[in-house]
Amino acid sequence: MPSNDVRILAQAAVPTLAAGAIAAVVSGVVAGGKGAVGAVVGTVIVIAFMGIGLYVLQRTAKSLPQLFQAMGLMLYAAQILLLFIFMAAFKNTTLFNPRAFAVTLVVATLAWIAAQTRAHMKAKILYVEPDSVSSASASAASKSEKSEKSGHSS
């Protein structure tokens, strides 16, 4: 992963981890140990889904830039759908508190989206990647063109 991608991933994951830790503490106080476990599981699922989604989106942007926007919309829709499927699948579990799990999924997802948006807004990403070979040949061509036009015309 290029350094910009890693930086954006870290800037989105760290606030999500912080929100998950706060949710785990609150869930532990309100619902006991099973609430804390549900919050931790919810945080891990959100970070895994969103991190994989960011990786897939960055790969798509590099290889198929014309599909970037459509892929981003489809990817977020798929991630939200998968999170709802997880909430429905673990609705009646006894492994952890399902309410703490569901609330943490929502809170961590919102934290990830807000942090990722902020990271993209603050990132200084080039819109056009400079090409050293073509820019060097273009500058050489403009210099030779300039030298042909300047000078005496006699």
N, C-alpha and C. Protein backbone atom coordinates (compact mmCIF):
# COMPACT_ATOMS: atom_id res chain seq x y z
N MET A 1 0.83 -1.18 0.00
CA MET A 1 0.00 0.00 0.00
C MET A 1 0.88 1.24 0.00
N PRO A 2 0.56 2.23 -0.84
CA PRO A 2 1.31 3.48 -0.80
C PRO A 2 1.12 4.19 0.55
N SER A 3 2.05 5.09 0.85
CA SER A 3 2.03 5.74 2.16
C SER A 3 0.75 6.54 2.41
N ASN A 4 0.17 7.17 1.37
CA ASN A 4 -1.09 7.90 1.56
C ASN A 4 -2.20 6.96 2.01
N ASP A 5 -2.25 5.78 1.41
CA ASP A 5 -3.28 4.81 1.76
C ASP A 5 -3.13 4.32 3.20
N VAL A 6 -1.90 4.06 3.61
CA VAL A 6 -1.64 3.61 4.97
C VAL A 6 -2.00 4.73 5.95
N ARG A 7 -1.66 5.97 5.60
CA ARG A 7 -1.97 7.10 6.47
C ARG A 7 -3.48 7.25 6.63
N ILE A 8 -4.23 7.14 5.54
CA ILE A 8 -5.69 7.25 5.61
C ILE A 8 -6.27 6.10 6.42
N LEU A 9 -5.73 4.89 6.23
CA LEU A 9 -6.19 3.74 7.01
C LEU A 9 -5.96 3.97 8.50
N ALA A 10 -4.78 4.44 8.86
CA ALA A 10 -4.49 4.69 10.27
C ALA A 10 -5.36 5.81 10.83
N GLN A 11 -5.57 6.87 10.03
CA GLN A 11 -6.37 7.99 10.51
C GLN A 11 -7.85 7.62 10.64
N ALA A 12 -8.28 6.57 9.99
CA ALA A 12 -9.66 6.11 10.14
C ALA A 12 -9.77 5.04 11.23
N ALA A 13 -8.76 4.19 11.36
CA ALA A 13 -8.83 3.08 12.31
C ALA A 13 -8.64 3.54 13.76
N VAL A 14 -7.77 4.49 13.99
CA VAL A 14 -7.48 4.91 15.37
C VAL A 14 -8.71 5.53 16.04
N PRO A 15 -9.42 6.48 15.41
CA PRO A 15 -10.63 6.99 16.05
C PRO A 15 -11.72 5.92 16.22
N THR A 16 -11.76 4.97 15.28
CA THR A 16 -12.74 3.89 15.40
C THR A 16 -12.39 3.00 16.59
N LEU A 17 -11.11 2.73 16.78
CA LEU A 17 -10.69 1.97 17.96
C LEU A 17 -11.02 2.72 19.25
N ALA A 18 -10.82 4.03 19.24
CA ALA A 18 -11.15 4.82 20.43
C ALA A 18 -12.65 4.78 20.71
N ALA A 19 -13.46 4.92 19.67
CA ALA A 19 -14.92 4.84 19.85
C ALA A 19 -15.32 3.45 20.34
N GLY A 20 -14.67 2.41 19.82
CA GLY A 20 -14.95 1.04 20.26
C GLY A 20 -14.54 0.81 21.71
N ALA A 21 -13.42 1.41 22.12
CA ALA A 21 -12.98 1.26 23.51
C ALA A 21 -13.96 1.95 24.46
N ILE A 22 -14.42 3.13 24.07
CA ILE A 22 -15.40 3.84 24.89
C ILE A 22 -16.70 3.03 24.95
N ALA A 23 -17.11 2.48 23.81
CA ALA A 23 -18.33 1.66 23.77
C ALA A 23 -18.17 0.41 24.63
N ALA A 24 -16.98 -0.18 24.63
CA ALA A 24 -16.75 -1.37 25.45
C ALA A 24 -16.84 -1.04 26.94
N VAL A 25 -16.28 0.10 27.34
CA VAL A 25 -16.35 0.49 28.75
C VAL A 25 -17.80 0.77 29.16
N VAL A 26 -18.50 1.55 28.32
CA VAL A 26 -19.90 1.87 28.63
C VAL A 26 -20.74 0.60 28.65
N SER A 27 -20.54 -0.28 27.67
CA SER A 27 -21.30 -1.54 27.61
C SER A 27 -20.97 -2.44 28.79
N GLY A 28 -19.70 -2.43 29.20
CA GLY A 28 -19.31 -3.22 30.37
C GLY A 28 -19.98 -2.73 31.64
N VAL A 29 -20.11 -1.42 31.78
CA VAL A 29 -20.76 -0.85 32.96
C VAL A 29 -22.26 -1.13 32.93
N VAL A 30 -22.87 -0.94 31.74
CA VAL A 30 -24.32 -1.08 31.62
C VAL A 30 -24.77 -2.54 31.57
N ALA A 31 -24.08 -3.35 30.77
CA ALA A 31 -24.55 -4.71 30.54
C ALA A 31 -23.60 -5.79 31.09
N GLY A 32 -22.55 -5.40 31.74
CA GLY A 32 -21.63 -6.39 32.31
C GLY A 32 -20.59 -6.88 31.30
N GLY A 33 -19.99 -8.01 31.63
CA GLY A 33 -18.93 -8.57 30.80
C GLY A 33 -19.38 -8.93 29.39
N LYS A 34 -20.60 -9.45 29.26
CA LYS A 34 -21.11 -9.80 27.93
C LYS A 34 -21.32 -8.56 27.07
N GLY A 35 -21.64 -7.44 27.69
CA GLY A 35 -21.77 -6.19 26.95
C GLY A 35 -20.43 -5.72 26.41
N ALA A 36 -19.40 -5.83 27.24
CA ALA A 36 -18.06 -5.44 26.80
C ALA A 36 -17.57 -6.34 25.66
N VAL A 37 -17.84 -7.63 25.78
CA VAL A 37 -17.45 -8.56 24.71
C VAL A 37 -18.18 -8.22 23.41
N GLY A 38 -19.47 -7.93 23.51
CA GLY A 38 -20.24 -7.55 22.33
C GLY A 38 -19.70 -6.30 21.67
N ALA A 39 -19.30 -5.32 22.48
CA ALA A 39 -18.74 -4.09 21.94
C ALA A 39 -17.39 -4.34 21.25
N VAL A 40 -16.57 -5.17 21.85
CA VAL A 40 -15.26 -5.48 21.25
C VAL A 40 -15.45 -6.23 19.92
N VAL A 41 -16.35 -7.20 19.90
CA VAL A 41 -16.62 -7.95 18.66
C VAL A 41 -17.15 -7.01 17.58
N GLY A 42 -18.05 -6.11 17.95
CA GLY A 42 -18.59 -5.16 17.00
C GLY A 42 -17.52 -4.24 16.42
N THR A 43 -16.61 -3.78 17.27
CA THR A 43 -15.52 -2.91 16.82
C THR A 43 -14.59 -3.65 15.86
N VAL A 44 -14.25 -4.88 16.21
CA VAL A 44 -13.36 -5.67 15.34
C VAL A 44 -14.00 -5.90 13.97
N ILE A 45 -15.28 -6.19 13.95
CA ILE A 45 -15.98 -6.44 12.68
C ILE A 45 -16.00 -5.18 11.82
N VAL A 46 -16.28 -4.03 12.44
CA VAL A 46 -16.31 -2.78 11.67
C VAL A 46 -14.93 -2.46 11.11
N ILE A 47 -13.90 -2.58 11.91
CA ILE A 47 -12.55 -2.26 11.43
C ILE A 47 -12.14 -3.22 10.33
N ALA A 48 -12.48 -4.50 10.46
CA ALA A 48 -12.13 -5.47 9.42
C ALA A 48 -12.87 -5.16 8.11
N PHE A 49 -14.18 -4.96 8.18
CA PHE A 49 -14.96 -4.69 6.96
C PHE A 49 -14.53 -3.39 6.29
N MET A 50 -14.42 -2.34 7.08
CA MET A 50 -14.09 -1.04 6.51
C MET A 50 -12.64 -1.00 6.01
N GLY A 51 -11.74 -1.66 6.71
CA GLY A 51 -10.35 -1.71 6.27
C GLY A 51 -10.19 -2.47 4.96
N ILE A 52 -10.85 -3.60 4.86
CA ILE A 52 -10.82 -4.36 3.61
C ILE A 52 -11.47 -3.56 2.49
N GLY A 53 -12.55 -2.88 2.80
CA GLY A 53 -13.21 -2.05 1.80
C GLY A 53 -12.33 -0.92 1.30
N LEU A 54 -11.60 -0.27 2.22
CA LEU A 54 -10.69 0.80 1.83
C LEU A 54 -9.57 0.26 0.94
N TYR A 55 -9.05 -0.91 1.29
CA TYR A 55 -8.00 -1.53 0.48
C TYR A 55 -8.51 -1.84 -0.93
N VAL A 56 -9.70 -2.43 -1.03
CA VAL A 56 -10.28 -2.76 -2.34
C VAL A 56 -10.52 -1.50 -3.15
N LEU A 57 -11.01 -0.45 -2.49
CA LEU A 57 -11.28 0.81 -3.18
C LEU A 57 -10.00 1.45 -3.70
N GLN A 58 -8.94 1.41 -2.92
CA GLN A 58 -7.67 1.99 -3.37
C GLN A 58 -7.08 1.18 -4.53
N ARG A 59 -7.21 -0.13 -4.49
CA ARG A 59 -6.74 -0.97 -5.61
C ARG A 59 -7.53 -0.67 -6.87
N THR A 60 -8.83 -0.48 -6.72
CA THR A 60 -9.67 -0.14 -7.87
C THR A 60 -9.29 1.21 -8.44
N ALA A 61 -9.01 2.16 -7.57
CA ALA A 61 -8.63 3.50 -8.02
C ALA A 61 -7.33 3.46 -8.83
N LYS A 62 -6.42 2.59 -8.46
CA LYS A 62 -5.15 2.50 -9.18
C LYS A 62 -5.31 1.79 -10.52
N SER A 63 -6.07 0.70 -10.54
CA SER A 63 -6.16 -0.10 -11.76
C SER A 63 -7.28 0.32 -12.69
N LEU A 64 -8.42 0.72 -12.15
CA LEU A 64 -9.57 1.11 -12.98
C LEU A 64 -10.15 2.43 -12.48
N PRO A 65 -9.47 3.54 -12.73
CA PRO A 65 -9.93 4.81 -12.17
C PRO A 65 -11.32 5.23 -12.66
N GLN A 66 -11.73 4.77 -13.82
CA GLN A 66 -13.05 5.14 -14.34
C GLN A 66 -14.18 4.50 -13.53
N LEU A 67 -13.88 3.44 -12.76
CA LEU A 67 -14.89 2.78 -11.95
C LEU A 67 -14.85 3.20 -10.48
N PHE A 68 -13.99 4.15 -10.15
CA PHE A 68 -13.76 4.49 -8.74
C PHE A 68 -15.03 4.94 -8.02
N GLN A 69 -15.77 5.88 -8.59
CA GLN A 69 -16.95 6.39 -7.90
C GLN A 69 -18.03 5.32 -7.79
N ALA A 70 -18.29 4.62 -8.85
CA ALA A 70 -19.31 3.56 -8.81
C ALA A 70 -18.90 2.46 -7.84
N MET A 71 -17.63 2.12 -7.84
CA MET A 71 -17.14 1.08 -6.93
C MET A 71 -17.26 1.54 -5.48
N GLY A 72 -16.97 2.80 -5.21
CA GLY A 72 -17.10 3.33 -3.86
C GLY A 72 -18.53 3.26 -3.35
N LEU A 73 -19.48 3.65 -4.18
CA LEU A 73 -20.89 3.60 -3.78
C LEU A 73 -21.35 2.16 -3.56
N MET A 74 -20.97 1.28 -4.47
CA MET A 74 -21.35 -0.12 -4.34
C MET A 74 -20.71 -0.76 -3.10
N LEU A 75 -19.47 -0.39 -2.85
CA LEU A 75 -18.75 -0.96 -1.73
C LEU A 75 -19.37 -0.53 -0.40
N TYR A 76 -19.69 0.74 -0.26
CA TYR A 76 -20.32 1.19 0.99
C TYR A 76 -21.70 0.56 1.18
N ALA A 77 -22.46 0.44 0.11
CA ALA A 77 -23.76 -0.21 0.22
C ALA A 77 -23.60 -1.67 0.66
N ALA A 78 -22.62 -2.36 0.09
CA ALA A 78 -22.37 -3.76 0.46
C ALA A 78 -21.90 -3.87 1.92
N GLN A 79 -21.06 -2.94 2.37
CA GLN A 79 -20.58 -2.98 3.75
C GLN A 79 -21.72 -2.76 4.74
N ILE A 80 -22.57 -1.79 4.46
CA ILE A 80 -23.70 -1.53 5.35
C ILE A 80 -24.64 -2.74 5.37
N LEU A 81 -24.88 -3.33 4.21
CA LEU A 81 -25.73 -4.52 4.13
C LEU A 81 -25.12 -5.66 4.94
N LEU A 82 -23.82 -5.89 4.82
CA LEU A 82 -23.16 -6.94 5.60
C LEU A 82 -23.24 -6.68 7.10
N LEU A 83 -23.11 -5.42 7.49
CA LEU A 83 -23.23 -5.10 8.92
C LEU A 83 -24.64 -5.37 9.43
N PHE A 84 -25.66 -5.07 8.62
CA PHE A 84 -27.03 -5.40 9.01
C PHE A 84 -27.22 -6.91 9.10
N ILE A 85 -26.61 -7.66 8.18
CA ILE A 85 -26.70 -9.12 8.22
C ILE A 85 -26.06 -9.65 9.51
N PHE A 86 -24.92 -9.08 9.90
CA PHE A 86 -24.29 -9.49 11.15
C PHE A 86 -25.18 -9.18 12.35
N MET A 87 -25.81 -8.00 12.34
CA MET A 87 -26.70 -7.66 13.45
C MET A 87 -27.87 -8.64 13.52
N ALA A 88 -28.42 -9.01 12.37
CA ALA A 88 -29.55 -9.95 12.35
C ALA A 88 -29.10 -11.35 12.75
N ALA A 89 -27.91 -11.76 12.31
CA ALA A 89 -27.43 -13.10 12.61
C ALA A 89 -27.15 -13.29 14.11
N PHE A 90 -26.67 -12.25 14.76
CA PHE A 90 -26.32 -12.36 16.18
C PHE A 90 -27.38 -11.75 17.09
N LYS A 91 -28.60 -11.62 16.58
CA LYS A 91 -29.69 -11.00 17.35
C LYS A 91 -30.02 -11.78 18.62
N ASN A 92 -29.99 -13.08 18.57
CA ASN A 92 -30.38 -13.90 19.72
C ASN A 92 -29.21 -14.70 20.31
N THR A 93 -28.01 -14.20 20.17
CA THR A 93 -26.85 -14.93 20.67
C THR A 93 -26.75 -14.85 22.19
N THR A 94 -26.09 -15.84 22.76
CA THR A 94 -25.82 -15.81 24.20
C THR A 94 -24.33 -15.61 24.48
N LEU A 95 -23.54 -15.49 23.41
CA LEU A 95 -22.10 -15.28 23.58
C LEU A 95 -21.79 -13.90 24.13
N PHE A 96 -22.60 -12.92 23.73
CA PHE A 96 -22.41 -11.54 24.17
C PHE A 96 -23.75 -10.82 24.12
N ASN A 97 -23.77 -9.60 24.61
CA ASN A 97 -24.99 -8.81 24.63
C ASN A 97 -25.27 -8.27 23.22
N PRO A 98 -26.36 -8.71 22.57
CA PRO A 98 -26.62 -8.29 21.19
C PRO A 98 -26.91 -6.79 21.07
N ARG A 99 -27.50 -6.19 22.09
CA ARG A 99 -27.78 -4.75 22.01
C ARG A 99 -26.49 -3.94 22.04
N ALA A 100 -25.55 -4.32 22.89
CA ALA A 100 -24.25 -3.64 22.94
C ALA A 100 -23.51 -3.84 21.62
N PHE A 101 -23.62 -5.03 21.07
CA PHE A 101 -23.01 -5.35 19.77
C PHE A 101 -23.58 -4.44 18.68
N ALA A 102 -24.91 -4.34 18.61
CA ALA A 102 -25.55 -3.55 17.56
C ALA A 102 -25.23 -2.06 17.69
N VAL A 103 -25.30 -1.55 18.91
CA VAL A 103 -25.01 -0.12 19.11
C VAL A 103 -23.56 0.18 18.76
N THR A 104 -22.66 -0.71 19.13
CA THR A 104 -21.25 -0.51 18.82
C THR A 104 -21.00 -0.59 17.32
N LEU A 105 -21.69 -1.48 16.61
CA LEU A 105 -21.56 -1.53 15.15
C LEU A 105 -21.93 -0.19 14.53
N VAL A 106 -23.02 0.38 14.97
CA VAL A 106 -23.47 1.67 14.42
C VAL A 106 -22.49 2.78 14.77
N VAL A 107 -22.12 2.86 16.04
CA VAL A 107 -21.21 3.93 16.50
C VAL A 107 -19.85 3.81 15.82
N ALA A 108 -19.30 2.61 15.74
CA ALA A 108 -17.99 2.42 15.12
C ALA A 108 -18.04 2.70 13.62
N THR A 109 -19.12 2.34 12.97
CA THR A 109 -19.26 2.63 11.53
C THR A 109 -19.31 4.13 11.30
N LEU A 110 -20.09 4.84 12.10
CA LEU A 110 -20.15 6.30 11.95
C LEU A 110 -18.80 6.94 12.25
N ALA A 111 -18.09 6.43 13.25
CA ALA A 111 -16.77 6.96 13.58
C ALA A 111 -15.80 6.72 12.43
N TRP A 112 -15.84 5.54 11.82
CA TRP A 112 -14.96 5.23 10.70
C TRP A 112 -15.26 6.16 9.52
N ILE A 113 -16.52 6.31 9.17
CA ILE A 113 -16.88 7.14 8.01
C ILE A 113 -16.47 8.59 8.25
N ALA A 114 -16.71 9.11 9.44
CA ALA A 114 -16.32 10.49 9.75
C ALA A 114 -14.80 10.66 9.71
N ALA A 115 -14.08 9.71 10.29
CA ALA A 115 -12.61 9.80 10.31
C ALA A 115 -12.02 9.63 8.92
N GLN A 116 -12.58 8.74 8.13
CA GLN A 116 -12.08 8.54 6.77
C GLN A 116 -12.36 9.78 5.92
N THR A 117 -13.52 10.38 6.09
CA THR A 117 -13.83 11.60 5.36
C THR A 117 -12.86 12.71 5.73
N ARG A 118 -12.59 12.86 7.02
CA ARG A 118 -11.64 13.88 7.47
C ARG A 118 -10.25 13.59 6.92
N ALA A 119 -9.83 12.35 6.93
CA ALA A 119 -8.50 11.99 6.42
C ALA A 119 -8.38 12.30 4.93
N HIS A 120 -9.41 12.01 4.15
CA HIS A 120 -9.37 12.32 2.73
C HIS A 120 -9.36 13.83 2.48
N MET A 121 -10.09 14.58 3.31
CA MET A 121 -10.12 16.03 3.13
C MET A 121 -8.77 16.66 3.45
N LYS A 122 -8.04 16.10 4.40
CA LYS A 122 -6.76 16.67 4.81
C LYS A 122 -5.58 16.12 3.99
N ALA A 123 -5.79 15.03 3.28
CA ALA A 123 -4.70 14.42 2.51
C ALA A 123 -4.35 15.29 1.31
N LYS A 124 -3.08 15.36 1.04
CA LYS A 124 -2.62 16.09 -0.13
C LYS A 124 -2.25 15.08 -1.21
N ILE A 125 -3.28 14.64 -1.93
CA ILE A 125 -3.12 13.61 -2.94
C ILE A 125 -3.12 14.28 -4.31
N LEU A 126 -2.14 13.94 -5.13
CA LEU A 126 -2.08 14.49 -6.48
C LEU A 126 -3.23 13.96 -7.33
N TYR A 127 -3.85 14.84 -8.06
CA TYR A 127 -4.92 14.41 -8.96
C TYR A 127 -4.35 13.79 -10.22
N VAL A 128 -3.20 14.27 -10.64
CA VAL A 128 -2.51 13.75 -11.81
C VAL A 128 -1.13 13.34 -11.37
N GLU A 129 -0.75 12.12 -11.69
CA GLU A 129 0.57 11.65 -11.32
C GLU A 129 1.57 12.13 -12.35
N PRO A 130 2.60 12.86 -11.92
CA PRO A 130 3.58 13.34 -12.88
C PRO A 130 4.38 12.18 -13.46
N ASP A 131 4.65 12.29 -14.74
CA ASP A 131 5.42 11.26 -15.43
C ASP A 131 6.76 11.87 -15.81
N SER A 132 7.85 11.41 -15.23
CA SER A 132 9.15 12.04 -15.43
C SER A 132 9.64 11.89 -16.86
N VAL A 133 9.33 10.79 -17.52
CA VAL A 133 9.81 10.58 -18.89
C VAL A 133 9.11 11.51 -19.86
N SER A 134 7.79 11.56 -19.82
CA SER A 134 7.06 12.38 -20.77
C SER A 134 7.23 13.86 -20.46
N SER A 135 7.38 14.25 -19.18
CA SER A 135 7.57 15.66 -18.86
C SER A 135 8.95 16.12 -19.27
N ALA A 136 9.97 15.24 -19.17
CA ALA A 136 11.31 15.60 -19.59
C ALA A 136 11.36 15.77 -21.11
N SER A 137 10.72 14.89 -21.83
CA SER A 137 10.73 15.02 -23.30
C SER A 137 9.90 16.22 -23.74
N ALA A 138 8.84 16.54 -23.04
CA ALA A 138 8.03 17.71 -23.38
C ALA A 138 8.81 18.99 -23.12
N SER A 139 9.59 19.03 -22.04
CA SER A 139 10.36 20.23 -21.75
C SER A 139 11.50 20.38 -22.75
N ALA A 140 12.10 19.27 -23.17
CA ALA A 140 13.15 19.34 -24.18
C ALA A 140 12.59 19.80 -25.51
N ALA A 141 11.40 19.35 -25.86
CA ALA A 141 10.76 19.76 -27.11
C ALA A 141 10.43 21.25 -27.08
N SER A 142 9.97 21.76 -25.95
CA SER A 142 9.63 23.17 -25.86
C SER A 142 10.88 24.03 -25.92
N LYS A 143 12.03 23.54 -25.36
CA LYS A 143 13.28 24.29 -25.43
C LYS A 143 13.79 24.36 -26.86
N SER A 144 13.73 23.25 -27.60
CA SER A 144 14.21 23.26 -28.98
C SER A 144 13.31 24.12 -29.85
N GLU A 145 12.03 24.11 -29.56
CA GLU A 145 11.07 24.93 -30.29
C GLU A 145 11.35 26.41 -30.02
N LYS A 146 11.68 26.74 -28.80
CA LYS A 146 11.96 28.11 -28.40
C LYS A 146 13.25 28.59 -29.07
N SER A 147 14.27 27.72 -29.09
CA SER A 147 15.55 28.14 -29.69
C SER A 147 15.42 28.31 -31.20
N GLU A 148 14.55 27.57 -31.86
CA GLU A 148 14.35 27.73 -33.30
C GLU A 148 13.67 29.06 -33.60
N LYS A 149 12.76 29.51 -32.75
CA LYS A 149 12.05 30.74 -32.98
C LYS A 149 12.86 31.98 -32.62
N SER A 150 13.80 31.86 -31.68
CA SER A 150 14.59 33.02 -31.28
C SER A 150 15.85 33.11 -32.13
N GLY A 151 16.43 34.28 -32.17
CA GLY A 151 17.64 34.47 -32.95
C GLY A 151 17.37 35.33 -34.17
N HIS A 152 18.42 35.55 -34.96
CA HIS A 152 18.31 36.39 -36.16
C HIS A 152 17.60 35.64 -37.26
N SER A 153 16.82 36.40 -37.98
CA SER A 153 16.10 35.77 -39.09
C SER A 153 16.79 35.97 -40.42
N SER A 154 18.02 36.47 -40.43
CA SER A 154 18.71 36.73 -41.70
C SER A 154 19.49 35.59 -42.17
